[in-house]
């Protein structure tokens, strides 16, 4: 997703893309956190170092890792939309 930015670049956005690429390279050189550590806490402590990636990560990490909210929504819709109504 972020790697695709470079292939779709325009000449006037070149400095921005190089900044994103540099930030991504710096992030990839970071040491991995332990499995017992909280990645949200790591991003909270390091968001000033990776401002562009922080916006992207906030989008990704806010997605629930479960399908329960979606199933509840369809269950509620089943009560509202039925043959009797």
PDB file of N, CA and C in Angstrom:
ATOM      1  N   UNK A   1       0.823  -1.181   0.000  1.00  0.00           N
ATOM      2  CA  UNK A   1       0.000   0.000   0.000  1.00  0.00           C
ATOM      3  C   UNK A   1       0.878   1.259   0.000  1.00  0.00           C
ATOM      4  N   UNK A   2       1.773   1.372   0.983  1.00  0.00           N
ATOM      5  CA  UNK A   2       2.651   2.526   0.997  1.00  0.00           C
ATOM      6  C   UNK A   2       3.710   2.434  -0.082  1.00  0.00           C
ATOM      7  N   UNK A   3       4.104   1.230  -0.454  1.00  0.00           N
ATOM      8  CA  UNK A   3       5.104   1.053  -1.510  1.00  0.00           C
ATOM      9  C   UNK A   3       4.552   1.455  -2.860  1.00  0.00           C
ATOM     10  N   UNK A   4       3.234   1.384  -3.049  1.00  0.00           N
ATOM     11  CA  UNK A   4       2.617   1.769  -4.307  1.00  0.00           C
ATOM     12  C   UNK A   4       2.695   3.270  -4.550  1.00  0.00           C
ATOM     13  N   UNK A   5       2.935   4.035  -3.512  1.00  0.00           N
ATOM     14  CA  UNK A   5       2.995   5.485  -3.643  1.00  0.00           C
ATOM     15  C   UNK A   5       4.116   5.877  -4.601  1.00  0.00           C
ATOM     16  N   UNK A   6       5.239   5.201  -4.496  1.00  0.00           N
ATOM     17  CA  UNK A   6       6.385   5.554  -5.316  1.00  0.00           C
ATOM     18  C   UNK A   6       6.101   5.352  -6.801  1.00  0.00           C
ATOM     19  N   UNK A   7       5.357   4.301  -7.143  1.00  0.00           N
ATOM     20  CA  UNK A   7       5.084   4.031  -8.545  1.00  0.00           C
ATOM     21  C   UNK A   7       4.073   5.005  -9.139  1.00  0.00           C
ATOM     22  N   UNK A   8       3.259   5.646  -8.321  1.00  0.00           N
ATOM     23  CA  UNK A   8       2.232   6.577  -8.798  1.00  0.00           C
ATOM     24  C   UNK A   8       2.653   8.031  -8.585  1.00  0.00           C
ATOM     25  N   UNK A   9       3.926   8.279  -8.428  1.00  0.00           N
ATOM     26  CA  UNK A   9       4.383   9.618  -8.083  1.00  0.00           C
ATOM     27  C   UNK A   9       4.261  10.580  -9.259  1.00  0.00           C
ATOM     28  N   UNK A  10       4.098  11.829  -8.886  1.00  0.00           N
ATOM     29  CA  UNK A  10       4.117  12.909  -9.856  1.00  0.00           C
ATOM     30  C   UNK A  10       5.310  13.781  -9.524  1.00  0.00           C
ATOM     31  N   UNK A  11       5.826  14.538 -10.468  1.00  0.00           N
ATOM     32  CA  UNK A  11       7.033  15.329 -10.212  1.00  0.00           C
ATOM     33  C   UNK A  11       6.892  16.328  -9.073  1.00  0.00           C
ATOM     34  N   UNK A  12       5.717  16.925  -8.875  1.00  0.00           N
ATOM     35  CA  UNK A  12       5.561  17.942  -7.839  1.00  0.00           C
ATOM     36  C   UNK A  12       5.437  17.329  -6.448  1.00  0.00           C
ATOM     37  N   UNK A  13       5.129  16.047  -6.323  1.00  0.00           N
ATOM     38  CA  UNK A  13       4.994  15.398  -5.019  1.00  0.00           C
ATOM     39  C   UNK A  13       6.229  14.577  -4.667  1.00  0.00           C
ATOM     40  N   UNK A  14       7.277  14.684  -5.450  1.00  0.00           N
ATOM     41  CA  UNK A  14       8.477  13.886  -5.260  1.00  0.00           C
ATOM     42  C   UNK A  14       9.107  14.060  -3.874  1.00  0.00           C
ATOM     43  N   UNK A  15       9.273  15.273  -3.332  1.00  0.00           N
ATOM     44  CA  UNK A  15       9.855  15.406  -1.996  1.00  0.00           C
ATOM     45  C   UNK A  15       9.012  14.723  -0.909  1.00  0.00           C
ATOM     46  N   UNK A  16       7.690  14.780  -1.046  1.00  0.00           N
ATOM     47  CA  UNK A  16       6.826  14.116  -0.063  1.00  0.00           C
ATOM     48  C   UNK A  16       7.022  12.612  -0.107  1.00  0.00           C
ATOM     49  N   UNK A  17       7.119  12.065  -1.292  1.00  0.00           N
ATOM     50  CA  UNK A  17       7.275  10.624  -1.445  1.00  0.00           C
ATOM     51  C   UNK A  17       8.612  10.174  -0.891  1.00  0.00           C
ATOM     52  N   UNK A  18       9.653  10.955  -1.131  1.00  0.00           N
ATOM     53  CA  UNK A  18      10.955  10.594  -0.582  1.00  0.00           C
ATOM     54  C   UNK A  18      10.936  10.639   0.940  1.00  0.00           C
ATOM     55  N   UNK A  19      10.166  11.566   1.505  1.00  0.00           N
ATOM     56  CA  UNK A  19      10.021  11.629   2.958  1.00  0.00           C
ATOM     57  C   UNK A  19       9.304  10.419   3.520  1.00  0.00           C
ATOM     58  N   UNK A  20       8.257   9.991   2.833  1.00  0.00           N
ATOM     59  CA  UNK A  20       7.517   8.799   3.249  1.00  0.00           C
ATOM     60  C   UNK A  20       8.405   7.579   3.130  1.00  0.00           C
ATOM     61  N   UNK A  21       9.138   7.474   2.043  1.00  0.00           N
ATOM     62  CA  UNK A  21      10.034   6.333   1.830  1.00  0.00           C
ATOM     63  C   UNK A  21      11.130   6.311   2.889  1.00  0.00           C
ATOM     64  N   UNK A  22      11.678   7.460   3.218  1.00  0.00           N
ATOM     65  CA  UNK A  22      12.711   7.533   4.254  1.00  0.00           C
ATOM     66  C   UNK A  22      12.148   7.117   5.608  1.00  0.00           C
ATOM     67  N   UNK A  23      10.938   7.557   5.898  1.00  0.00           N
ATOM     68  CA  UNK A  23      10.292   7.188   7.163  1.00  0.00           C
ATOM     69  C   UNK A  23      10.024   5.687   7.223  1.00  0.00           C
ATOM     70  N   UNK A  24       9.586   5.124   6.122  1.00  0.00           N
ATOM     71  CA  UNK A  24       9.334   3.687   6.051  1.00  0.00           C
ATOM     72  C   UNK A  24      10.628   2.894   6.216  1.00  0.00           C
ATOM     73  N   UNK A  25      11.701   3.348   5.583  1.00  0.00           N
ATOM     74  CA  UNK A  25      12.996   2.681   5.735  1.00  0.00           C
ATOM     75  C   UNK A  25      13.491   2.745   7.174  1.00  0.00           C
ATOM     76  N   UNK A  26      13.320   3.886   7.808  1.00  0.00           N
ATOM     77  CA  UNK A  26      13.734   4.031   9.204  1.00  0.00           C
ATOM     78  C   UNK A  26      12.920   3.107  10.105  1.00  0.00           C
ATOM     79  N   UNK A  27      11.630   2.997   9.850  1.00  0.00           N
ATOM     80  CA  UNK A  27      10.769   2.111  10.638  1.00  0.00           C
ATOM     81  C   UNK A  27      11.179   0.649  10.467  1.00  0.00           C
ATOM     82  N   UNK A  28      11.518   0.260   9.248  1.00  0.00           N
ATOM     83  CA  UNK A  28      11.901  -1.126   8.991  1.00  0.00           C
ATOM     84  C   UNK A  28      13.210  -1.501   9.671  1.00  0.00           C
ATOM     85  N   UNK A  29      14.041  -0.529   9.979  1.00  0.00           N
ATOM     86  CA  UNK A  29      15.308  -0.785  10.671  1.00  0.00           C
ATOM     87  C   UNK A  29      15.132  -0.894  12.189  1.00  0.00           C
ATOM     88  N   UNK A  30      13.964  -0.560  12.690  1.00  0.00           N
ATOM     89  CA  UNK A  30      13.686  -0.643  14.123  1.00  0.00           C
ATOM     90  C   UNK A  30      13.740  -2.099  14.592  1.00  0.00           C
ATOM     91  N   UNK A  31      14.113  -2.297  15.845  1.00  0.00           N
ATOM     92  CA  UNK A  31      14.083  -3.644  16.402  1.00  0.00           C
ATOM     93  C   UNK A  31      12.639  -4.021  16.702  1.00  0.00           C
ATOM     94  N   UNK A  32      12.342  -5.299  16.590  1.00  0.00           N
ATOM     95  CA  UNK A  32      10.987  -5.785  16.837  1.00  0.00           C
ATOM     96  C   UNK A  32      10.687  -5.752  18.332  1.00  0.00           C
ATOM     97  N   UNK A  33       9.447  -5.458  18.674  1.00  0.00           N
ATOM     98  CA  UNK A  33       9.056  -5.493  20.079  1.00  0.00           C
ATOM     99  C   UNK A  33       8.708  -6.938  20.446  1.00  0.00           C
ATOM    100  N   UNK A  34       8.754  -7.228  21.720  1.00  0.00           N
ATOM    101  CA  UNK A  34       8.413  -8.569  22.187  1.00  0.00           C
ATOM    102  C   UNK A  34       6.919  -8.819  22.014  1.00  0.00           C
ATOM    103  N   UNK A  35       6.553 -10.080  21.916  1.00  0.00           N
ATOM    104  CA  UNK A  35       5.138 -10.430  21.742  1.00  0.00           C
ATOM    105  C   UNK A  35       4.301 -10.022  22.951  1.00  0.00           C
ATOM    106  N   UNK A  36       4.933  -9.879  24.088  1.00  0.00           N
ATOM    107  CA  UNK A  36       4.203  -9.508  25.301  1.00  0.00           C
ATOM    108  C   UNK A  36       3.970  -8.001  25.404  1.00  0.00           C
ATOM    109  N   UNK A  37       4.667  -7.224  24.585  1.00  0.00           N
ATOM    110  CA  UNK A  37       4.508  -5.767  24.622  1.00  0.00           C
ATOM    111  C   UNK A  37       3.291  -5.336  23.816  1.00  0.00           C
ATOM    112  N   UNK A  38       2.766  -4.177  24.170  1.00  0.00           N
ATOM    113  CA  UNK A  38       1.582  -3.618  23.523  1.00  0.00           C
ATOM    114  C   UNK A  38       2.005  -2.738  22.340  1.00  0.00           C
ATOM    115  N   UNK A  39       1.618  -3.098  21.113  1.00  0.00           N
ATOM    116  CA  UNK A  39       2.005  -2.267  19.967  1.00  0.00           C
ATOM    117  C   UNK A  39       1.370  -0.878  19.998  1.00  0.00           C
ATOM    118  N   UNK A  40       0.192  -0.760  20.587  1.00  0.00           N
ATOM    119  CA  UNK A  40      -0.436   0.567  20.689  1.00  0.00           C
ATOM    120  C   UNK A  40       0.387   1.499  21.568  1.00  0.00           C
ATOM    121  N   UNK A  41       0.939   0.952  22.653  1.00  0.00           N
ATOM    122  CA  UNK A  41       1.783   1.764  23.537  1.00  0.00           C
ATOM    123  C   UNK A  41       3.068   2.160  22.819  1.00  0.00           C
ATOM    124  N   UNK A  42       3.629   1.234  22.011  1.00  0.00           N
ATOM    125  CA  UNK A  42       4.839   1.559  21.264  1.00  0.00           C
ATOM    126  C   UNK A  42       4.571   2.712  20.311  1.00  0.00           C
ATOM    127  N   UNK A  43       3.450   2.667  19.603  1.00  0.00           N
ATOM    128  CA  UNK A  43       3.130   3.745  18.673  1.00  0.00           C
ATOM    129  C   UNK A  43       2.847   5.049  19.402  1.00  0.00           C
ATOM    130  N   UNK A  44       2.266   4.960  20.579  1.00  0.00           N
ATOM    131  CA  UNK A  44       2.011   6.182  21.358  1.00  0.00           C
ATOM    132  C   UNK A  44       3.327   6.852  21.755  1.00  0.00           C
ATOM    133  N   UNK A  45       4.319   6.043  22.086  1.00  0.00           N
ATOM    134  CA  UNK A  45       5.619   6.578  22.494  1.00  0.00           C
ATOM    135  C   UNK A  45       6.476   7.021  21.304  1.00  0.00           C
ATOM    136  N   UNK A  46       6.241   6.458  20.136  1.00  0.00           N
ATOM    137  CA  UNK A  46       7.097   6.727  18.981  1.00  0.00           C
ATOM    138  C   UNK A  46       6.392   7.452  17.837  1.00  0.00           C
ATOM    139  N   UNK A  47       5.190   7.949  18.050  1.00  0.00           N
ATOM    140  CA  UNK A  47       4.457   8.591  16.953  1.00  0.00           C
ATOM    141  C   UNK A  47       5.141   9.863  16.451  1.00  0.00           C
ATOM    142  N   UNK A  48       5.916  10.525  17.289  1.00  0.00           N
ATOM    143  CA  UNK A  48       6.619  11.732  16.849  1.00  0.00           C
ATOM    144  C   UNK A  48       7.760  11.403  15.883  1.00  0.00           C
ATOM    145  N   UNK A  49       8.273  10.182  15.927  1.00  0.00           N
ATOM    146  CA  UNK A  49       9.359   9.773  15.036  1.00  0.00           C
ATOM    147  C   UNK A  49       8.850   9.362  13.654  1.00  0.00           C
ATOM    148  N   UNK A  50       7.597   8.899  13.602  1.00  0.00           N
ATOM    149  CA  UNK A  50       7.010   8.410  12.353  1.00  0.00           C
ATOM    150  C   UNK A  50       5.636   9.049  12.133  1.00  0.00           C
ATOM    151  N   UNK A  51       5.572  10.350  11.869  1.00  0.00           N
ATOM    152  CA  UNK A  51       4.264  11.023  11.788  1.00  0.00           C
ATOM    153  C   UNK A  51       3.374  10.535  10.644  1.00  0.00           C
ATOM    154  N   UNK A  52       3.940  10.232   9.490  1.00  0.00           N
ATOM    155  CA  UNK A  52       3.128   9.773   8.360  1.00  0.00           C
ATOM    156  C   UNK A  52       2.650   8.347   8.605  1.00  0.00           C
ATOM    157  N   UNK A  53       3.552   7.486   9.040  1.00  0.00           N
ATOM    158  CA  UNK A  53       3.168   6.112   9.343  1.00  0.00           C
ATOM    159  C   UNK A  53       2.179   6.045  10.488  1.00  0.00           C
ATOM    160  N   UNK A  54       2.272   6.979  11.420  1.00  0.00           N
ATOM    161  CA  UNK A  54       1.348   6.997  12.559  1.00  0.00           C
ATOM    162  C   UNK A  54      -0.091   7.170  12.082  1.00  0.00           C
ATOM    163  N   UNK A  55      -0.311   8.021  11.111  1.00  0.00           N
ATOM    164  CA  UNK A  55      -1.666   8.208  10.568  1.00  0.00           C
ATOM    165  C   UNK A  55      -2.149   6.920   9.921  1.00  0.00           C
ATOM    166  N   UNK A  56      -1.273   6.279   9.166  1.00  0.00           N
ATOM    167  CA  UNK A  56      -1.620   5.021   8.512  1.00  0.00           C
ATOM    168  C   UNK A  56      -1.914   3.934   9.554  1.00  0.00           C
ATOM    169  N   UNK A  57      -1.091   3.844  10.574  1.00  0.00           N
ATOM    170  CA  UNK A  57      -1.260   2.812  11.607  1.00  0.00           C
ATOM    171  C   UNK A  57      -2.541   3.037  12.403  1.00  0.00           C
ATOM    172  N   UNK A  58      -2.891   4.270  12.670  1.00  0.00           N
ATOM    173  CA  UNK A  58      -4.147   4.540  13.379  1.00  0.00           C
ATOM    174  C   UNK A  58      -5.339   4.024  12.587  1.00  0.00           C
ATOM    175  N   UNK A  59      -5.259   4.108  11.280  1.00  0.00           N
ATOM    176  CA  UNK A  59      -6.326   3.599  10.422  1.00  0.00           C
ATOM    177  C   UNK A  59      -6.402   2.080  10.488  1.00  0.00           C
ATOM    178  N   UNK A  60      -5.264   1.423  10.486  1.00  0.00           N
ATOM    179  CA  UNK A  60      -5.208  -0.036  10.469  1.00  0.00           C
ATOM    180  C   UNK A  60      -5.514  -0.626  11.846  1.00  0.00           C
ATOM    181  N   UNK A  61      -4.935  -0.072  12.893  1.00  0.00           N
ATOM    182  CA  UNK A  61      -5.093  -0.661  14.225  1.00  0.00           C
ATOM    183  C   UNK A  61      -6.455  -0.405  14.852  1.00  0.00           C
ATOM    184  N   UNK A  62      -7.267   0.448  14.282  1.00  0.00           N
ATOM    185  CA  UNK A  62      -8.586   0.699  14.845  1.00  0.00           C
ATOM    186  C   UNK A  62      -9.616  -0.316  14.359  1.00  0.00           C
ATOM    187  N   UNK A  63      -9.253  -1.168  13.413  1.00  0.00           N
ATOM    188  CA  UNK A  63     -10.170  -2.171  12.885  1.00  0.00           C
ATOM    189  C   UNK A  63     -10.321  -3.286  13.916  1.00  0.00           C
ATOM    190  N   UNK A  64     -11.540  -3.616  14.321  1.00  0.00           N
ATOM    191  CA  UNK A  64     -11.710  -4.688  15.304  1.00  0.00           C
ATOM    192  C   UNK A  64     -11.289  -6.034  14.725  1.00  0.00           C
ATOM    193  N   UNK A  65     -10.679  -6.855  15.548  1.00  0.00           N
ATOM    194  CA  UNK A  65     -10.191  -8.159  15.095  1.00  0.00           C
ATOM    195  C   UNK A  65     -11.254  -9.234  15.269  1.00  0.00           C
ATOM    196  N   UNK A  66     -12.489  -8.859  15.233  1.00  0.00           N
ATOM    197  CA  UNK A  66     -13.575  -9.807  15.425  1.00  0.00           C
ATOM    198  C   UNK A  66     -14.725  -9.462  14.489  1.00  0.00           C
ATOM    199  N   UNK A  67     -15.576 -10.410  14.239  1.00  0.00           N
ATOM    200  CA  UNK A  67     -16.717 -10.167  13.368  1.00  0.00           C
ATOM    201  C   UNK A  67     -18.003  -9.948  14.163  1.00  0.00           C
ATOM    202  N   UNK A  68     -17.900  -9.911  15.482  1.00  0.00           N
ATOM    203  CA  UNK A  68     -19.083  -9.788  16.331  1.00  0.00           C
ATOM    204  C   UNK A  68     -19.881  -8.514  16.054  1.00  0.00           C
ATOM    205  N   UNK A  69     -19.256  -7.323  15.939  1.00  0.00           N
ATOM    206  CA  UNK A  69     -20.074  -6.128  15.666  1.00  0.00           C
ATOM    207  C   UNK A  69     -20.885  -6.248  14.375  1.00  0.00           C
ATOM    208  N   UNK A  70     -20.299  -6.826  13.345  1.00  0.00           N
ATOM    209  CA  UNK A  70     -21.030  -6.999  12.090  1.00  0.00           C
ATOM    210  C   UNK A  70     -22.182  -7.972  12.239  1.00  0.00           C
ATOM    211  N   UNK A  71     -21.965  -9.050  12.959  1.00  0.00           N
ATOM    212  CA  UNK A  71     -23.032 -10.033  13.166  1.00  0.00           C
ATOM    213  C   UNK A  71     -24.167  -9.444  13.993  1.00  0.00           C
ATOM    214  N   UNK A  72     -23.828  -8.621  14.976  1.00  0.00           N
ATOM    215  CA  UNK A  72     -24.869  -7.967  15.780  1.00  0.00           C
ATOM    216  C   UNK A  72     -25.702  -7.029  14.920  1.00  0.00           C
ATOM    217  N   UNK A  73     -25.041  -6.323  14.025  1.00  0.00           N
ATOM    218  CA  UNK A  73     -25.749  -5.396  13.144  1.00  0.00           C
ATOM    219  C   UNK A  73     -26.729  -6.145  12.253  1.00  0.00           C
ATOM    220  N   UNK A  74     -26.303  -7.248  11.641  1.00  0.00           N
ATOM    221  CA  UNK A  74     -27.199  -8.015  10.787  1.00  0.00           C
ATOM    222  C   UNK A  74     -28.319  -8.662  11.591  1.00  0.00           C
ATOM    223  N   UNK A  75     -28.031  -9.049  12.836  1.00  0.00           N
ATOM    224  CA  UNK A  75     -29.064  -9.619  13.688  1.00  0.00           C
ATOM    225  C   UNK A  75     -30.139  -8.570  13.990  1.00  0.00           C
ATOM    226  N   UNK A  76     -29.705  -7.349  14.302  1.00  0.00           N
ATOM    227  CA  UNK A  76     -30.653  -6.266  14.565  1.00  0.00           C
ATOM    228  C   UNK A  76     -31.464  -5.940  13.314  1.00  0.00           C
ATOM    229  N   UNK A  77     -30.818  -5.951  12.163  1.00  0.00           N
ATOM    230  CA  UNK A  77     -31.515  -5.674  10.911  1.00  0.00           C
ATOM    231  C   UNK A  77     -32.551  -6.753  10.639  1.00  0.00           C
ATOM    232  N   UNK A  78     -32.269  -7.989  11.040  1.00  0.00           N
ATOM    233  CA  UNK A  78     -33.228  -9.091  10.862  1.00  0.00           C
ATOM    234  C   UNK A  78     -34.505  -8.882  11.653  1.00  0.00           C
ATOM    235  N   UNK A  79     -34.373  -8.226  12.808  1.00  0.00           N
ATOM    236  CA  UNK A  79     -35.567  -7.934  13.606  1.00  0.00           C
ATOM    237  C   UNK A  79     -36.408  -6.820  12.979  1.00  0.00           C
ATOM    238  N   UNK A  80     -35.752  -5.896  12.315  1.00  0.00           N
ATOM    239  CA  UNK A  80     -36.443  -4.745  11.738  1.00  0.00           C
ATOM    240  C   UNK A  80     -37.048  -5.092  10.374  1.00  0.00           C
ATOM    241  N   UNK A  81     -36.269  -5.729   9.516  1.00  0.00           N
ATOM    242  CA  UNK A  81     -36.718  -6.054   8.164  1.00  0.00           C
ATOM    243  C   UNK A  81     -37.150  -7.517   8.151  1.00  0.00           C
ATOM    244  N   UNK A  82     -38.453  -7.739   8.169  1.00  0.00           N
ATOM    245  CA  UNK A  82     -38.980  -9.103   8.098  1.00  0.00           C
ATOM    246  C   UNK A  82     -40.299  -9.104   7.327  1.00  0.00           C
ATOM    247  N   UNK A  83     -40.900 -10.248   7.147  1.00  0.00           N
ATOM    248  CA  UNK A  83     -42.136 -10.367   6.359  1.00  0.00           C
ATOM    249  C   UNK A  83     -43.314  -9.640   7.006  1.00  0.00           C
ATOM    250  N   UNK A  84     -43.331  -9.587   8.303  1.00  0.00           N
ATOM    251  CA  UNK A  84     -44.459  -8.951   9.021  1.00  0.00           C
ATOM    252  C   UNK A  84     -44.439  -7.429   8.876  1.00  0.00           C
ATOM    253  N   UNK A  85     -43.290  -6.839   8.634  1.00  0.00           N
ATOM    254  CA  UNK A  85     -43.215  -5.380   8.526  1.00  0.00           C
ATOM    255  C   UNK A  85     -43.437  -5.022   7.126  1.00  0.00           C
TER     256      UNK A  85
END
